[in-house]
Protein backbone atom coordinates (compact mmCIF):
# COMPACT_ATOMS: atom_id res chain seq x y z
CA MET A 1 160.96 -120.38 -139.02
CA ARG A 2 158.63 -117.49 -138.14
CA ARG A 3 155.65 -119.88 -138.05
CA LEU A 4 157.56 -122.23 -135.75
CA ILE A 5 158.41 -119.38 -133.37
CA ILE A 6 154.78 -118.26 -133.24
CA CYS A 7 153.65 -121.82 -132.43
CA LEU A 8 156.21 -122.04 -129.62
CA LEU A 9 155.22 -118.68 -128.12
CA LEU A 10 151.44 -119.10 -128.28
CA PRO A 11 151.13 -121.11 -125.03
CA LEU A 12 152.92 -118.29 -123.17
CA PHE A 13 150.55 -115.67 -124.54
CA LEU A 14 147.37 -117.65 -124.16
CA ALA A 15 147.77 -119.82 -121.09
CA ALA A 16 144.43 -118.78 -119.61
CA CYS A 17 142.34 -119.53 -122.70
CA GLY A 18 140.13 -122.57 -123.23
CA GLY A 19 136.39 -122.73 -123.85
CA ASP A 20 133.52 -124.83 -125.21
CA SER A 21 130.66 -124.36 -127.64
CA VAL A 22 127.36 -123.78 -125.77
CA TRP A 23 123.96 -122.36 -126.67
CA ALA A 24 121.67 -121.02 -123.94
CA PRO A 25 117.88 -121.09 -124.54
CA ASP A 26 116.13 -117.98 -125.88
CA GLU A 27 114.19 -117.45 -122.64
CA ASP A 28 117.35 -117.51 -120.51
CA VAL A 29 119.06 -114.97 -122.76
CA ARG A 30 116.00 -112.71 -122.80
CA ARG A 31 115.55 -112.86 -119.02
CA ALA A 32 119.23 -112.15 -118.35
CA ALA A 33 119.46 -109.02 -120.51
CA PHE A 34 120.92 -106.18 -118.46
CA VAL A 35 120.82 -102.49 -119.42
CA THR A 36 123.23 -100.22 -117.54
CA GLY A 37 121.76 -96.89 -118.64
CA GLU A 38 125.32 -95.62 -119.08
CA PRO A 39 126.83 -94.17 -122.27
CA PRO A 40 127.85 -96.86 -124.80
CA SER A 41 131.32 -98.25 -124.19
CA VAL A 42 133.68 -101.10 -124.91
CA THR A 43 136.07 -102.46 -122.28
CA LEU A 44 139.09 -104.60 -123.07
CA TYR A 45 140.16 -107.04 -120.35
CA THR A 46 143.68 -108.43 -120.52
CA VAL A 47 144.99 -111.13 -118.18
CA ILE A 48 148.71 -110.53 -117.56
CA GLY A 49 151.30 -112.63 -115.75
CA ALA A 50 152.01 -110.91 -112.42
CA THR A 51 155.74 -111.57 -112.55
CA SER A 52 156.42 -112.39 -116.20
CA GLY A 53 154.29 -109.67 -117.80
CA ALA A 54 153.18 -112.19 -120.43
CA GLY A 55 149.66 -112.02 -121.80
CA GLY A 56 147.32 -114.82 -120.83
CA HIS A 57 143.87 -113.90 -122.14
CA SER A 58 141.81 -111.18 -123.85
CA ALA A 59 138.07 -110.48 -123.53
CA LEU A 60 135.75 -107.65 -124.51
CA MET A 61 132.81 -106.21 -122.57
CA ILE A 62 130.37 -104.35 -124.83
CA ASP A 63 127.80 -101.95 -123.37
CA GLY A 64 125.17 -100.98 -125.94
CA HIS A 65 121.44 -101.62 -125.75
CA GLN A 66 122.48 -104.28 -123.23
CA ARG A 67 125.82 -105.23 -121.69
CA ILE A 68 127.48 -108.45 -122.76
CA MET A 69 130.90 -110.06 -122.38
CA PHE A 70 132.69 -111.59 -125.36
CA ASP A 71 135.03 -114.07 -123.66
CA PRO A 72 136.53 -116.14 -126.49
CA ALA A 73 137.75 -119.56 -125.37
CA GLY A 74 137.34 -118.39 -121.78
CA SER A 75 136.79 -120.64 -118.77
CA TRP A 76 134.68 -118.32 -116.58
CA TYR A 77 131.16 -119.50 -115.84
CA HIS A 78 128.27 -118.37 -113.65
CA PRO A 79 124.81 -120.02 -113.50
CA TRP A 80 123.06 -116.65 -113.71
CA VAL A 81 124.92 -115.70 -116.89
CA PRO A 82 123.66 -117.56 -119.97
CA GLU A 83 126.24 -118.11 -122.68
CA ARG A 84 126.04 -118.54 -126.41
CA ASN A 85 129.37 -119.50 -127.97
CA ASP A 86 131.59 -117.23 -125.87
CA VAL A 87 129.03 -114.41 -125.58
CA HIS A 88 127.80 -113.99 -121.99
CA TYR A 89 124.55 -112.14 -121.23
CA GLY A 90 123.47 -110.47 -118.00
CA ILE A 91 126.76 -108.75 -117.17
CA THR A 92 125.60 -106.74 -114.18
CA GLU A 93 128.05 -104.92 -111.93
CA ARG A 94 128.29 -107.96 -109.68
CA MET A 95 129.01 -110.23 -112.60
CA ARG A 96 131.57 -107.82 -114.01
CA LYS A 97 133.37 -107.87 -110.65
CA PHE A 98 133.04 -111.65 -110.48
CA TYR A 99 134.69 -111.88 -113.89
CA ILE A 100 137.64 -109.77 -112.77
CA ASP A 101 137.94 -111.61 -109.45
CA TYR A 102 137.96 -114.98 -111.20
CA HIS A 103 140.95 -114.04 -113.35
CA ALA A 104 142.95 -111.86 -110.92
CA ARG A 105 145.00 -113.96 -108.51
CA GLU A 106 148.54 -114.17 -107.18
CA THR A 107 150.02 -115.17 -110.53
CA TRP A 108 147.75 -113.11 -112.82
CA ASP A 109 146.72 -109.44 -112.93
CA VAL A 110 143.82 -108.05 -114.97
CA ARG A 111 144.11 -104.85 -116.98
CA GLU A 112 140.77 -103.09 -117.55
CA GLN A 113 140.63 -100.51 -120.38
CA LYS A 114 137.32 -98.74 -120.98
CA LEU A 115 136.54 -96.58 -124.00
CA PHE A 116 133.34 -94.65 -124.67
CA ILE A 117 131.97 -95.24 -128.17
CA THR A 118 128.83 -94.55 -130.18
CA MET A 119 125.74 -96.72 -129.95
CA GLU A 120 126.29 -97.67 -133.59
CA GLN A 121 129.76 -98.97 -132.77
CA ALA A 122 128.47 -100.83 -129.70
CA GLU A 123 125.73 -102.54 -131.66
CA ALA A 124 128.11 -103.40 -134.49
CA LEU A 125 130.50 -105.00 -132.00
CA THR A 126 127.62 -106.88 -130.36
CA ALA A 127 126.41 -108.21 -133.71
CA ARG A 128 129.91 -109.33 -134.65
CA ALA A 129 130.37 -111.05 -131.29
CA GLU A 130 127.05 -112.88 -131.56
CA GLY A 131 127.80 -113.96 -135.11
CA ASN A 132 131.36 -115.01 -134.41
CA GLY A 133 130.73 -118.56 -133.24
CA ALA A 134 132.69 -120.50 -130.65
CA VAL A 135 136.39 -119.69 -130.56
CA GLY A 136 139.04 -122.39 -130.46
CA LYS A 137 141.71 -122.60 -127.79
CA MET A 138 144.63 -120.18 -128.00
CA MET A 139 142.66 -117.85 -130.29
CA CYS A 140 141.27 -115.35 -127.77
CA SER A 141 143.32 -112.26 -128.67
CA ASN A 142 143.12 -112.99 -132.37
CA SER A 143 139.33 -113.18 -132.10
CA VAL A 144 139.02 -110.00 -130.02
CA SER A 145 141.30 -108.03 -132.34
CA ALA A 146 139.42 -109.33 -135.39
CA LEU A 147 136.13 -108.30 -133.81
CA LEU A 148 137.37 -104.78 -133.16
CA THR A 149 139.11 -104.16 -136.47
CA GLY A 150 135.92 -105.02 -138.33
CA VAL A 151 134.12 -102.00 -136.84
CA GLN A 152 134.54 -98.43 -138.01
CA GLY A 153 136.90 -96.49 -135.76
CA PHE A 154 139.07 -99.48 -134.84
CA GLU A 155 140.60 -100.26 -138.23
CA GLY A 156 144.02 -99.13 -136.99
CA LEU A 157 144.28 -101.83 -134.34
CA PRO A 158 146.53 -104.81 -135.14
CA ARG A 159 145.25 -108.30 -135.83
CA THR A 160 147.32 -110.14 -133.26
CA PHE A 161 147.65 -113.30 -131.18
CA SER A 162 149.30 -111.28 -128.39
CA PRO A 163 147.08 -109.95 -125.56
CA ILE A 164 149.82 -107.47 -124.60
CA LYS A 165 150.22 -106.07 -128.10
CA LEU A 166 146.46 -105.61 -128.35
CA ALA A 167 146.23 -103.90 -124.94
CA ASN A 168 149.09 -101.55 -125.78
CA ALA A 169 147.49 -100.60 -129.09
CA PHE A 170 144.11 -100.10 -127.42
CA ALA A 171 145.77 -97.76 -124.90
CA LYS A 172 146.39 -95.25 -127.70
CA TYR A 173 142.66 -94.43 -127.74
CA PRO A 174 141.30 -91.78 -125.31
CA LEU A 175 140.41 -94.24 -122.55
CA ALA A 176 137.95 -93.39 -119.80
CA LEU A 177 139.59 -96.01 -117.55
CA ASP A 178 142.90 -97.88 -117.57
CA LYS A 179 143.25 -99.88 -114.37
CA LEU A 180 145.31 -102.88 -113.28
CA HIS A 181 143.61 -105.24 -110.83
CA HIS A 182 145.82 -107.15 -108.35
CA ASP A 183 144.65 -110.00 -106.11
CA GLY A 184 146.47 -112.22 -103.65
CA ASP A 185 144.13 -115.19 -104.06
CA PRO A 186 145.80 -118.59 -104.62
CA ASP A 187 146.48 -119.55 -108.22
CA ASN A 188 143.82 -122.27 -108.00
CA ASN A 189 140.67 -120.21 -108.55
CA SER A 190 138.18 -123.04 -108.02
CA GLY A 191 137.29 -121.47 -104.67
CA VAL A 192 136.29 -118.24 -106.41
CA LEU A 193 133.89 -120.12 -108.65
CA MET A 194 132.46 -122.00 -105.67
CA ILE A 195 131.74 -118.77 -103.76
CA GLN A 196 130.16 -117.14 -106.81
CA GLN A 197 127.93 -120.12 -107.45
CA GLN A 198 126.93 -120.35 -103.78
CA GLU A 199 125.79 -116.73 -103.95
CA ALA A 200 123.82 -117.56 -107.06
CA ARG A 201 121.80 -120.10 -105.10
CA GLN A 202 120.55 -117.47 -102.65
CA PRO A 203 116.75 -117.10 -103.12
CA ILE A 204 115.88 -113.72 -104.63
CA PRO A 205 112.30 -113.01 -105.78
CA GLY A 206 112.00 -112.47 -109.52
CA ARG A 207 115.00 -111.70 -111.64
CA PRO A 208 117.83 -110.56 -109.35
CA ASN A 209 119.13 -107.01 -109.64
CA LEU A 210 122.77 -108.04 -109.33
């Protein structure tokens, strides 16, 4: 019975998930690498139903020797951000804001929870994300929680399919930021992607400082 209930509830928790297996070329990944120069950190993004409060998606931004986004089974895409099996490279400030803007709309809010960590933790998380492989649909929170719990300092987090349960557990750490992003954009976010990709086509000499 418990297994049946979990199967019935999963679509409510993970409505925003759904991704594909891709592998960007080495040169694209190397060229996109972005270093913030900030202290190492990990940021949990949780997509939450604006009226229902149900969890829709979980993702993890890791800022170590470079900043990446682990977006398991996610649908966000930008032509300047090469992807390898749910790991996105080149997460500049503009791309980070694009990511939030893509998910935040009239029916979904985005909770952003940032935690400062050691460089060793950041690199361990990055290595686990890169070695994780493509994540199947409806497995985003399970993958993010598994990634975290495998690194020293996060063993106390639950392995869970629920984005909300993971976000609430993550909130028990001494967060540097805990912010909820609201947006009144229409639920159909195809226009957001179109604007982002139009900006990407603007000619900028060399690698853009986004």
